[in-house]
Amino acid sequence: MAANKAEQATLGGGCFWCVESAFLQVKGIESVKSGYTGGHTENPTYEQVCTGDTGHAEVAQLTYDPEQISYRQILEIFFTLHDPTQVNRQGNDVGTQYRTSIFYHDEAQKQEAESIIAELENDGAFADPIVTEVTKLDTFYPAEDYHENYYARNQENPYCQAVISPKLAKFRKTFSGLLKN
């Protein structure tokens, strides 16, 4: 892939470990970086974000090759990885930092995000209304190094076993054609 063709997507769907672990397996995704955005605290730490006082969401920032995977496909995956109808939570993870959010990088991403949300709503894909925020990306703050590739390094962790592993099993079954070999 030519470096100048790479694009980015920044998504918040609960715990960034869940989002990261799935997208690392997708063809066309060159890298995934866990981090924080959407708040008011500069250079926040994980501990600060966990208080809910920074305004930041936990997000995964994807670098991808649009010749291999489209932004729309990324959003389709995103909407299967989490429950976009839950306000400020995903399962037992509760707080504004776990809000469902799409941080768009340009007007085309904004339009695609709004379009897919409208389609999902019109199709009745979810029993409750979608509450996913669509917000322009401001500053992305990378998370601490120990968060990177967390699931792969900590698969025996109880949280990984109870939360991430079941999501990944569903994800692999649903999107088997888009997975890296």
Protein backbone atom coordinates (compact mmCIF):
# COMPACT_ATOMS: atom_id res chain seq x y z
CA MET A 1 0.00 0.00 0.00
CA ALA A 2 1.30 3.42 -0.86
CA ALA A 3 1.54 5.51 2.30
CA ASN A 4 -0.23 8.46 0.70
CA LYS A 5 -3.34 6.36 0.07
CA ALA A 6 -3.87 5.47 3.71
CA GLU A 7 -6.91 6.94 5.43
CA GLN A 8 -8.00 6.99 9.05
CA ALA A 9 -11.18 6.25 10.95
CA THR A 10 -11.69 6.97 14.65
CA LEU A 11 -14.40 5.01 16.47
CA GLY A 12 -15.65 4.69 20.03
CA GLY A 13 -17.66 1.58 20.80
CA GLY A 14 -17.13 0.99 24.49
CA CYS A 15 -13.80 -0.35 25.68
CA PHE A 16 -11.11 0.33 23.10
CA TRP A 17 -9.63 -3.14 23.66
CA CYS A 18 -12.75 -4.67 22.09
CA VAL A 19 -12.72 -2.44 19.03
CA GLU A 20 -8.96 -2.77 18.54
CA SER A 21 -8.90 -6.56 18.81
CA ALA A 22 -11.51 -6.99 16.07
CA PHE A 23 -10.16 -4.46 13.59
CA LEU A 24 -6.62 -5.81 13.86
CA GLN A 25 -7.95 -8.92 12.09
CA VAL A 26 -9.52 -7.12 9.11
CA LYS A 27 -7.97 -7.05 5.63
CA GLY A 28 -6.98 -3.54 4.66
CA ILE A 29 -6.54 -2.33 8.24
CA GLU A 30 -2.89 -1.38 8.45
CA SER A 31 -2.80 -0.39 12.11
CA VAL A 32 -5.04 0.28 15.09
CA LYS A 33 -4.13 2.68 17.87
CA SER A 34 -6.10 2.92 21.11
CA GLY A 35 -6.58 6.40 22.47
CA TYR A 36 -8.82 9.18 23.68
CA THR A 37 -10.68 12.04 22.01
CA GLY A 38 -13.76 14.19 22.30
CA GLY A 39 -12.99 15.83 25.61
CA HIS A 40 -11.38 18.89 27.11
CA THR A 41 -8.36 17.57 29.02
CA GLU A 42 -5.04 17.78 27.16
CA ASN A 43 -2.86 14.65 27.16
CA PRO A 44 -5.21 12.63 29.39
CA THR A 45 -4.13 9.45 31.12
CA TYR A 46 -6.21 6.29 31.29
CA GLU A 47 -6.84 6.93 34.97
CA GLN A 48 -8.12 10.44 34.23
CA VAL A 49 -10.39 9.23 31.41
CA CYS A 50 -11.82 6.51 33.66
CA THR A 51 -13.11 9.15 36.08
CA GLY A 52 -15.45 10.44 33.37
CA ASP A 53 -14.33 14.00 34.12
CA THR A 54 -12.20 14.58 31.00
CA GLY A 55 -15.04 14.36 28.47
CA HIS A 56 -12.96 11.98 26.37
CA ALA A 57 -14.17 8.72 24.88
CA GLU A 58 -12.05 5.60 24.59
CA VAL A 59 -11.52 5.16 20.85
CA ALA A 60 -9.63 3.11 18.33
CA GLN A 61 -7.99 4.99 15.48
CA LEU A 62 -7.67 2.83 12.39
CA THR A 63 -5.28 3.42 9.51
CA TYR A 64 -6.64 1.62 6.48
CA ASP A 65 -6.20 1.13 2.75
CA PRO A 66 -9.40 2.31 1.03
CA GLU A 67 -8.55 0.12 -1.97
CA GLN A 68 -8.96 -2.94 0.28
CA ILE A 69 -11.74 -1.86 2.62
CA SER A 70 -14.18 1.01 2.41
CA TYR A 71 -15.14 3.38 5.19
CA ARG A 72 -18.68 2.03 4.86
CA GLN A 73 -17.46 -1.53 5.48
CA ILE A 74 -15.58 -0.29 8.53
CA LEU A 75 -18.78 1.28 9.85
CA GLU A 76 -20.75 -1.91 9.13
CA ILE A 77 -18.26 -3.83 11.26
CA PHE A 78 -18.36 -1.12 13.93
CA PHE A 79 -22.15 -1.37 14.29
CA THR A 80 -21.92 -5.13 14.89
CA LEU A 81 -19.17 -4.86 17.51
CA HIS A 82 -21.19 -2.92 20.05
CA ASP A 83 -24.69 -1.81 20.98
CA PRO A 84 -25.17 1.65 19.44
CA THR A 85 -28.41 2.14 21.39
CA GLN A 86 -26.79 2.34 24.84
CA VAL A 87 -26.05 5.80 26.20
CA ASN A 88 -22.66 6.10 27.90
CA ARG A 89 -22.16 2.39 28.39
CA GLN A 90 -21.43 -0.95 26.82
CA GLY A 91 -22.49 -3.81 29.04
CA ASN A 92 -20.90 -3.38 32.45
CA ASP A 93 -18.58 -0.63 31.22
CA VAL A 94 -20.41 2.54 32.29
CA GLY A 95 -19.46 6.18 31.83
CA THR A 96 -19.18 8.84 29.16
CA GLN A 97 -15.81 7.40 28.15
CA TYR A 98 -17.66 4.33 26.79
CA ARG A 99 -20.11 6.26 24.63
CA THR A 100 -20.82 5.10 21.11
CA SER A 101 -19.16 7.59 18.78
CA ILE A 102 -17.83 8.16 15.31
CA PHE A 103 -15.22 10.90 15.08
CA TYR A 104 -15.11 11.84 11.42
CA HIS A 105 -11.98 13.10 9.69
CA ASP A 106 -13.68 14.83 6.75
CA GLU A 107 -17.09 15.71 5.34
CA ALA A 108 -17.32 12.48 3.32
CA GLN A 109 -16.92 10.39 6.49
CA LYS A 110 -19.54 12.50 8.25
CA GLN A 111 -22.02 11.96 5.41
CA GLU A 112 -21.32 8.21 5.28
CA ALA A 113 -21.77 7.89 9.06
CA GLU A 114 -25.05 9.80 9.02
CA SER A 115 -26.23 7.79 6.03
CA ILE A 116 -25.57 4.37 7.56
CA ILE A 117 -27.19 5.42 10.85
CA ALA A 118 -30.30 6.56 8.94
CA GLU A 119 -30.38 3.27 7.01
CA LEU A 120 -30.06 1.19 10.18
CA GLU A 121 -32.83 3.22 11.81
CA ASN A 122 -35.10 2.92 8.76
CA ASP A 123 -34.48 -0.82 8.57
CA GLY A 124 -35.27 -1.29 12.26
CA ALA A 125 -31.89 -2.96 12.77
CA PHE A 126 -32.08 -2.24 16.50
CA ALA A 127 -35.07 -2.31 18.83
CA ASP A 128 -34.08 1.05 20.34
CA PRO A 129 -32.92 4.28 18.68
CA ILE A 130 -29.25 4.58 17.73
CA VAL A 131 -27.50 7.11 19.98
CA THR A 132 -24.08 7.05 18.28
CA GLU A 133 -22.56 10.52 18.26
CA VAL A 134 -21.13 11.76 14.96
CA THR A 135 -18.54 14.39 15.84
CA LYS A 136 -15.64 16.02 14.03
CA LEU A 137 -12.32 14.66 15.25
CA ASP A 138 -10.33 17.25 17.14
CA THR A 139 -7.20 15.98 18.87
CA PHE A 140 -6.49 12.26 19.19
CA TYR A 141 -4.40 11.33 22.21
CA PRO A 142 -2.74 7.89 21.97
CA ALA A 143 -3.33 5.65 24.97
CA GLU A 144 -0.49 4.35 27.08
CA ASP A 145 1.61 1.61 25.47
CA TYR A 146 0.23 -1.15 27.69
CA HIS A 147 -3.18 -0.77 26.01
CA GLU A 148 -1.83 -1.61 22.55
CA ASN A 149 -2.71 -5.09 21.31
CA TYR A 150 -4.11 -5.70 24.79
CA TYR A 151 -6.32 -8.66 23.97
CA ALA A 152 -3.61 -10.59 22.11
CA ARG A 153 -1.25 -10.15 25.06
CA ASN A 154 -3.86 -10.81 27.80
CA GLN A 155 -6.32 -13.39 26.48
CA GLU A 156 -6.51 -15.15 29.84
CA ASN A 157 -7.54 -11.94 31.62
CA PRO A 158 -11.10 -12.43 33.01
CA TYR A 159 -12.37 -9.29 31.24
CA CYS A 160 -10.94 -10.51 27.95
CA GLN A 161 -12.53 -13.93 28.42
CA ALA A 162 -15.94 -12.63 29.48
CA VAL A 163 -16.30 -9.61 27.17
CA ILE A 164 -13.86 -9.59 24.27
CA SER A 165 -13.68 -13.29 23.35
CA PRO A 166 -17.46 -13.66 22.78
CA LYS A 167 -17.51 -10.47 20.66
CA LEU A 168 -14.63 -11.74 18.57
CA ALA A 169 -16.28 -15.12 18.02
CA LYS A 170 -19.42 -13.42 16.67
CA PHE A 171 -17.32 -10.99 14.65
CA ARG A 172 -15.24 -13.76 13.01
CA LYS A 173 -18.37 -15.67 12.02
CA THR A 174 -20.13 -12.60 10.60
CA PHE A 175 -17.16 -11.12 8.75
CA SER A 176 -15.10 -14.19 7.84
CA GLY A 177 -14.66 -12.93 4.26
CA LEU A 178 -13.00 -9.72 5.43
CA LEU A 179 -10.44 -11.29 7.76
CA LYS A 180 -6.70 -11.44 7.21
CA ASN A 181 -5.31 -14.92 6.63
